């Protein structure tokens, strides 16, 4: 299973709707994630460029893409960003493999 960082920035209309009728949106999104074989690991409101941050696990990139596309199509976010995360172990393995690729930068 792959881990993803999802970041979303709500539209002003989405904020207005939530202020009028506050509700836990996790309860609405969690079944969508689980329907694609995923698991919502954590969710936070955030200050800054993005209003919402979530860590989500999916079995593959297609499943993750299906959910992010559905969220994008819903219209509540003016911007969203999904980042694939590697565990420390996966990152170290990638570094080990990179050292053995034989790649040479231009001019060397």
C-alpha atoms as a PDB file:
ATOM      1  CA  UNK A   1       0.000   0.000   0.000  1.00  0.00           C
ATOM      2  CA  UNK A   2       1.231   3.470  -0.874  1.00  0.00           C
ATOM      3  CA  UNK A   3       0.912   6.516   1.385  1.00  0.00           C
ATOM      4  CA  UNK A   4      -0.204   9.906   0.029  1.00  0.00           C
ATOM      5  CA  UNK A   5      -0.298  13.435   1.377  1.00  0.00           C
ATOM      6  CA  UNK A   6      -3.445  15.251   0.235  1.00  0.00           C
ATOM      7  CA  UNK A   7      -3.695  19.031   0.569  1.00  0.00           C
ATOM      8  CA  UNK A   8      -6.810  20.988  -0.303  1.00  0.00           C
ATOM      9  CA  UNK A   9      -7.794  24.651  -0.345  1.00  0.00           C
ATOM     10  CA  UNK A  10     -11.530  25.259  -0.016  1.00  0.00           C
ATOM     11  CA  UNK A  11     -13.423  27.765  -2.156  1.00  0.00           C
ATOM     12  CA  UNK A  12     -15.060  30.676  -0.337  1.00  0.00           C
ATOM     13  CA  UNK A  13     -18.438  29.094  -1.159  1.00  0.00           C
ATOM     14  CA  UNK A  14     -17.395  25.824   0.501  1.00  0.00           C
ATOM     15  CA  UNK A  15     -16.265  27.699   3.619  1.00  0.00           C
ATOM     16  CA  UNK A  16     -19.541  29.644   3.707  1.00  0.00           C
ATOM     17  CA  UNK A  17     -21.537  26.403   3.502  1.00  0.00           C
ATOM     18  CA  UNK A  18     -19.501  24.857   6.308  1.00  0.00           C
ATOM     19  CA  UNK A  19     -19.866  27.943   8.500  1.00  0.00           C
ATOM     20  CA  UNK A  20     -23.655  27.887   7.992  1.00  0.00           C
ATOM     21  CA  UNK A  21     -23.817  24.165   8.731  1.00  0.00           C
ATOM     22  CA  UNK A  22     -20.632  22.845  10.417  1.00  0.00           C
ATOM     23  CA  UNK A  23     -20.173  19.133   9.877  1.00  0.00           C
ATOM     24  CA  UNK A  24     -17.420  16.572  10.027  1.00  0.00           C
ATOM     25  CA  UNK A  25     -16.584  16.066   6.345  1.00  0.00           C
ATOM     26  CA  UNK A  26     -14.429  13.051   7.236  1.00  0.00           C
ATOM     27  CA  UNK A  27     -17.640  11.096   7.731  1.00  0.00           C
ATOM     28  CA  UNK A  28     -18.559  11.878   4.111  1.00  0.00           C
ATOM     29  CA  UNK A  29     -15.142  11.271   2.541  1.00  0.00           C
ATOM     30  CA  UNK A  30     -14.040   8.183   4.463  1.00  0.00           C
ATOM     31  CA  UNK A  31     -16.494   5.810   2.701  1.00  0.00           C
ATOM     32  CA  UNK A  32     -15.324   7.165  -0.663  1.00  0.00           C
ATOM     33  CA  UNK A  33     -11.699   6.399   0.249  1.00  0.00           C
ATOM     34  CA  UNK A  34     -12.577   2.966   1.619  1.00  0.00           C
ATOM     35  CA  UNK A  35     -14.600   2.211  -1.514  1.00  0.00           C
ATOM     36  CA  UNK A  36     -11.347   2.424  -3.472  1.00  0.00           C
ATOM     37  CA  UNK A  37      -9.515   0.153  -1.021  1.00  0.00           C
ATOM     38  CA  UNK A  38      -7.946   3.050   0.864  1.00  0.00           C
ATOM     39  CA  UNK A  39      -7.618   4.026   4.484  1.00  0.00           C
ATOM     40  CA  UNK A  40      -7.739   7.530   5.928  1.00  0.00           C
ATOM     41  CA  UNK A  41      -4.841   7.697   8.398  1.00  0.00           C
ATOM     42  CA  UNK A  42      -5.183  11.297   9.627  1.00  0.00           C
ATOM     43  CA  UNK A  43      -6.820  14.617   8.724  1.00  0.00           C
ATOM     44  CA  UNK A  44      -6.090  18.150   9.908  1.00  0.00           C
ATOM     45  CA  UNK A  45      -7.272  21.680   9.252  1.00  0.00           C
ATOM     46  CA  UNK A  46      -4.274  23.861   8.448  1.00  0.00           C
ATOM     47  CA  UNK A  47      -3.290  27.516   8.254  1.00  0.00           C
ATOM     48  CA  UNK A  48      -1.566  28.713   5.110  1.00  0.00           C
ATOM     49  CA  UNK A  49      -1.875  27.900   1.426  1.00  0.00           C
ATOM     50  CA  UNK A  50      -3.978  24.786   2.073  1.00  0.00           C
ATOM     51  CA  UNK A  51      -6.913  24.500   4.473  1.00  0.00           C
ATOM     52  CA  UNK A  52      -6.965  20.736   4.829  1.00  0.00           C
ATOM     53  CA  UNK A  53      -4.203  18.129   5.071  1.00  0.00           C
ATOM     54  CA  UNK A  54      -4.776  14.366   5.042  1.00  0.00           C
ATOM     55  CA  UNK A  55      -2.552  11.314   5.083  1.00  0.00           C
ATOM     56  CA  UNK A  56      -4.186   8.497   3.122  1.00  0.00           C
ATOM     57  CA  UNK A  57      -3.174   4.954   2.215  1.00  0.00           C
ATOM     58  CA  UNK A  58      -4.233   3.404  -1.109  1.00  0.00           C
ATOM     59  CA  UNK A  59      -3.420   0.102  -2.783  1.00  0.00           C
ATOM     60  CA  UNK A  60      -2.242   1.855  -5.972  1.00  0.00           C
ATOM     61  CA  UNK A  61      -1.981   5.172  -7.819  1.00  0.00           C
ATOM     62  CA  UNK A  62      -5.156   4.547  -9.823  1.00  0.00           C
ATOM     63  CA  UNK A  63      -7.235   4.224  -6.638  1.00  0.00           C
ATOM     64  CA  UNK A  64      -5.678   7.392  -5.211  1.00  0.00           C
ATOM     65  CA  UNK A  65      -6.294   9.210  -8.489  1.00  0.00           C
ATOM     66  CA  UNK A  66      -9.938   8.113  -8.608  1.00  0.00           C
ATOM     67  CA  UNK A  67     -10.612   9.693  -5.216  1.00  0.00           C
ATOM     68  CA  UNK A  68      -8.677  12.887  -5.903  1.00  0.00           C
ATOM     69  CA  UNK A  69     -10.465  13.288  -9.230  1.00  0.00           C
ATOM     70  CA  UNK A  70     -13.825  12.808  -7.517  1.00  0.00           C
ATOM     71  CA  UNK A  71     -12.905  15.466  -4.941  1.00  0.00           C
ATOM     72  CA  UNK A  72     -11.715  17.845  -7.664  1.00  0.00           C
ATOM     73  CA  UNK A  73     -14.927  17.339  -9.599  1.00  0.00           C
ATOM     74  CA  UNK A  74     -17.037  18.108  -6.548  1.00  0.00           C
ATOM     75  CA  UNK A  75     -16.150  21.801  -6.692  1.00  0.00           C
ATOM     76  CA  UNK A  76     -15.419  22.386  -2.980  1.00  0.00           C
ATOM     77  CA  UNK A  77     -11.676  22.871  -3.548  1.00  0.00           C
ATOM     78  CA  UNK A  78     -10.131  25.750  -5.477  1.00  0.00           C
ATOM     79  CA  UNK A  79      -6.790  23.927  -5.347  1.00  0.00           C
ATOM     80  CA  UNK A  80      -5.613  20.504  -4.320  1.00  0.00           C
ATOM     81  CA  UNK A  81      -2.320  18.682  -4.333  1.00  0.00           C
ATOM     82  CA  UNK A  82      -1.490  15.015  -3.879  1.00  0.00           C
ATOM     83  CA  UNK A  83       2.044  13.872  -3.048  1.00  0.00           C
ATOM     84  CA  UNK A  84       3.278  10.276  -2.972  1.00  0.00           C
ATOM     85  CA  UNK A  85       5.156   9.633   0.281  1.00  0.00           C
ATOM     86  CA  UNK A  86       7.982   7.139   0.805  1.00  0.00           C
ATOM     87  CA  UNK A  87       8.828   5.586   4.135  1.00  0.00           C
ATOM     88  CA  UNK A  88      12.379   6.193   5.371  1.00  0.00           C
ATOM     89  CA  UNK A  89      13.205   2.608   4.427  1.00  0.00           C
ATOM     90  CA  UNK A  90      11.855   3.119   0.900  1.00  0.00           C
ATOM     91  CA  UNK A  91      13.836   6.342   0.560  1.00  0.00           C
ATOM     92  CA  UNK A  92      17.036   4.601   1.667  1.00  0.00           C
ATOM     93  CA  UNK A  93      16.418   1.797  -0.825  1.00  0.00           C
ATOM     94  CA  UNK A  94      15.889   4.370  -3.575  1.00  0.00           C
ATOM     95  CA  UNK A  95      19.224   5.979  -2.658  1.00  0.00           C
ATOM     96  CA  UNK A  96      20.969   2.600  -2.746  1.00  0.00           C
ATOM     97  CA  UNK A  97      19.509   1.879  -6.162  1.00  0.00           C
ATOM     98  CA  UNK A  98      20.368   5.363  -7.432  1.00  0.00           C
ATOM     99  CA  UNK A  99      24.020   4.840  -6.555  1.00  0.00           C
ATOM    100  CA  UNK A 100      24.126   1.781  -8.837  1.00  0.00           C
ATOM    101  CA  UNK A 101      22.385   3.223 -11.891  1.00  0.00           C
ATOM    102  CA  UNK A 102      25.536   4.383 -13.614  1.00  0.00           C
ATOM    103  CA  UNK A 103      24.017   7.793 -14.365  1.00  0.00           C
ATOM    104  CA  UNK A 104      26.544  10.498 -15.214  1.00  0.00           C
ATOM    105  CA  UNK A 105      25.545  14.186 -15.221  1.00  0.00           C
ATOM    106  CA  UNK A 106      26.231  16.284 -18.309  1.00  0.00           C
ATOM    107  CA  UNK A 107      29.873  17.287 -18.667  1.00  0.00           C
ATOM    108  CA  UNK A 108      31.287  14.398 -16.680  1.00  0.00           C
END
